[in-house]
């Protein structure tokens, strides 16, 4: 049986009262993240968070904007909300997997992870927004290829 991405993370990511140390990830973080979420405060929060750790961040509020950015830019990782107006995240995920197979996709939603997996199968990781930024940072660090030395 496949484990979730969080379950595959080293045990120290899951311990309470641990902090992530991101000095080393800055060497890897020339990667470009695309945050797709219809809520402006979520886009702004993720934008500030990941820029702080050295990532280049693009944001899109809907599938049309996201598609334009995917076509015009080299994107490494997508944070994809499920429930959005007009075009649902599951439809956009299908397009990403069809036309941009090398992009890693993290489904980021208020839905519990089990429900996320039912709605969108085959993502690289799943993130319940209620789990907090440290869990999300750990997922992104792992997908960026830097799983070592991130915890003090």
Protein backbone atom coordinates (compact mmCIF):
# COMPACT_ATOMS: atom_id res chain seq x y z
CA UNK A 1 0.00 0.00 0.00
CA UNK A 2 1.27 3.48 -0.86
CA UNK A 3 2.16 5.74 2.03
CA UNK A 4 1.27 9.39 2.03
CA UNK A 5 4.06 11.85 1.40
CA UNK A 6 3.98 12.98 5.03
CA UNK A 7 4.30 9.36 6.21
CA UNK A 8 7.43 8.98 4.07
CA UNK A 9 9.08 12.04 5.61
CA UNK A 10 11.76 11.34 8.19
CA UNK A 11 10.39 10.79 11.67
CA UNK A 12 11.82 14.07 12.94
CA UNK A 13 9.42 16.07 10.76
CA UNK A 14 6.52 14.61 12.70
CA UNK A 15 7.82 15.32 16.22
CA UNK A 16 6.28 18.17 18.14
CA UNK A 17 8.22 21.30 19.04
CA UNK A 18 10.75 20.85 16.24
CA UNK A 19 11.73 23.71 13.97
CA UNK A 20 12.74 23.47 10.36
CA UNK A 21 16.13 24.93 9.50
CA UNK A 22 16.07 26.19 5.93
CA UNK A 23 19.62 27.44 5.37
CA UNK A 24 20.49 24.38 3.32
CA UNK A 25 17.34 24.46 1.22
CA UNK A 26 18.31 27.87 -0.16
CA UNK A 27 20.86 26.04 -2.32
CA UNK A 28 18.05 24.03 -3.91
CA UNK A 29 15.34 26.65 -3.78
CA UNK A 30 16.00 28.34 -7.07
CA UNK A 31 12.98 26.26 -7.93
CA UNK A 32 9.74 27.92 -8.97
CA UNK A 33 6.52 27.30 -7.08
CA UNK A 34 3.06 28.02 -8.48
CA UNK A 35 0.38 28.56 -5.83
CA UNK A 36 -3.11 28.05 -7.23
CA UNK A 37 -5.83 29.08 -4.80
CA UNK A 38 -8.94 31.22 -5.16
CA UNK A 39 -8.46 32.79 -1.72
CA UNK A 40 -6.20 35.85 -1.84
CA UNK A 41 -5.03 35.56 1.77
CA UNK A 42 -3.86 31.96 1.16
CA UNK A 43 -1.94 33.00 -1.98
CA UNK A 44 -0.37 35.93 -0.14
CA UNK A 45 0.58 33.84 2.90
CA UNK A 46 2.21 31.10 0.81
CA UNK A 47 3.89 33.69 -1.38
CA UNK A 48 5.54 35.38 1.62
CA UNK A 49 6.40 32.07 3.29
CA UNK A 50 8.16 30.49 0.34
CA UNK A 51 9.87 33.68 -0.83
CA UNK A 52 11.30 33.95 2.69
CA UNK A 53 12.96 30.57 2.12
CA UNK A 54 14.35 31.53 -1.27
CA UNK A 55 11.79 30.11 -3.68
CA UNK A 56 10.55 31.99 -6.70
CA UNK A 57 6.78 32.08 -6.28
CA UNK A 58 4.04 32.68 -8.81
CA UNK A 59 0.37 32.80 -7.86
CA UNK A 60 -2.88 32.19 -9.70
CA UNK A 61 -6.43 32.67 -8.47
CA UNK A 62 -8.08 30.40 -11.03
CA UNK A 63 -7.44 27.70 -13.62
CA UNK A 64 -7.19 30.14 -16.53
CA UNK A 65 -4.42 32.16 -14.88
CA UNK A 66 -2.70 28.95 -13.75
CA UNK A 67 -2.75 27.51 -17.26
CA UNK A 68 -1.20 30.68 -18.69
CA UNK A 69 1.59 30.53 -16.09
CA UNK A 70 2.19 26.84 -16.73
CA UNK A 71 2.56 27.48 -20.46
CA UNK A 72 4.77 30.58 -20.08
CA UNK A 73 7.04 29.49 -17.20
CA UNK A 74 9.11 26.56 -16.05
CA UNK A 75 7.32 25.44 -12.90
CA UNK A 76 8.83 22.87 -10.54
CA UNK A 77 6.12 22.49 -7.89
CA UNK A 78 2.42 23.37 -7.84
CA UNK A 79 0.36 23.88 -4.69
CA UNK A 80 -3.16 23.18 -5.90
CA UNK A 81 -6.39 23.94 -4.08
CA UNK A 82 -9.27 21.59 -4.82
CA UNK A 83 -12.40 23.71 -4.49
CA UNK A 84 -12.22 26.73 -6.77
CA UNK A 85 -14.77 28.67 -8.77
CA UNK A 86 -15.26 27.90 -12.46
CA UNK A 87 -12.79 25.03 -12.84
CA UNK A 88 -12.24 22.58 -10.00
CA UNK A 89 -8.71 21.67 -8.92
CA UNK A 90 -9.23 18.06 -10.01
CA UNK A 91 -9.76 19.20 -13.61
CA UNK A 92 -6.66 21.36 -13.50
CA UNK A 93 -4.69 18.46 -12.00
CA UNK A 94 -5.67 16.34 -15.02
CA UNK A 95 -4.36 19.02 -17.37
CA UNK A 96 -1.10 19.31 -15.43
CA UNK A 97 -0.56 15.54 -15.54
CA UNK A 98 -1.36 15.45 -19.26
CA UNK A 99 0.71 18.40 -20.47
CA UNK A 100 3.26 19.05 -17.70
CA UNK A 101 4.23 15.60 -16.41
CA UNK A 102 7.48 16.72 -14.76
CA UNK A 103 5.80 19.19 -12.41
CA UNK A 104 5.34 17.95 -8.85
CA UNK A 105 1.86 18.63 -7.51
CA UNK A 106 0.90 19.11 -3.87
CA UNK A 107 -2.85 19.12 -3.32
CA UNK A 108 -3.46 21.75 -0.64
CA UNK A 109 -6.96 21.83 0.82
CA UNK A 110 -9.07 22.14 3.93
CA UNK A 111 -10.38 18.66 3.16
CA UNK A 112 -8.79 15.82 5.17
CA UNK A 113 -6.01 14.05 3.28
CA UNK A 114 -8.07 10.88 2.76
CA UNK A 115 -10.80 12.90 1.07
CA UNK A 116 -8.22 14.78 -1.01
CA UNK A 117 -6.90 11.44 -2.29
CA UNK A 118 -10.41 10.39 -3.29
CA UNK A 119 -10.97 13.63 -5.19
CA UNK A 120 -7.52 13.80 -6.84
CA UNK A 121 -5.61 10.56 -7.25
CA UNK A 122 -1.92 10.48 -8.06
CA UNK A 123 -0.63 13.77 -6.67
CA UNK A 124 2.94 13.83 -5.39
CA UNK A 125 1.76 14.95 -1.94
CA UNK A 126 -1.33 16.04 -0.05
CA UNK A 127 -1.54 18.81 2.54
CA UNK A 128 -4.38 19.53 4.94
CA UNK A 129 -4.24 23.30 5.49
CA UNK A 130 -5.08 22.82 9.16
CA UNK A 131 -1.77 20.95 9.67
CA UNK A 132 0.22 24.18 9.67
CA UNK A 133 3.18 25.63 7.86
CA UNK A 134 5.86 23.30 9.27
CA UNK A 135 4.20 20.26 7.69
CA UNK A 136 3.87 22.11 4.38
CA UNK A 137 7.48 23.27 4.52
CA UNK A 138 8.58 19.69 5.15
CA UNK A 139 6.64 18.46 2.14
CA UNK A 140 8.09 21.15 -0.11
CA UNK A 141 11.61 20.51 1.21
CA UNK A 142 11.24 16.83 0.43
CA UNK A 143 9.91 17.48 -3.08
CA UNK A 144 12.74 19.97 -3.64
CA UNK A 145 15.25 17.23 -3.00
CA UNK A 146 16.54 18.48 0.35
CA UNK A 147 15.44 16.15 3.14
CA UNK A 148 18.66 16.34 5.17
CA UNK A 149 19.62 18.76 7.90
CA UNK A 150 16.34 20.65 8.06
CA UNK A 151 15.57 20.09 11.72
CA UNK A 152 17.31 21.56 14.74
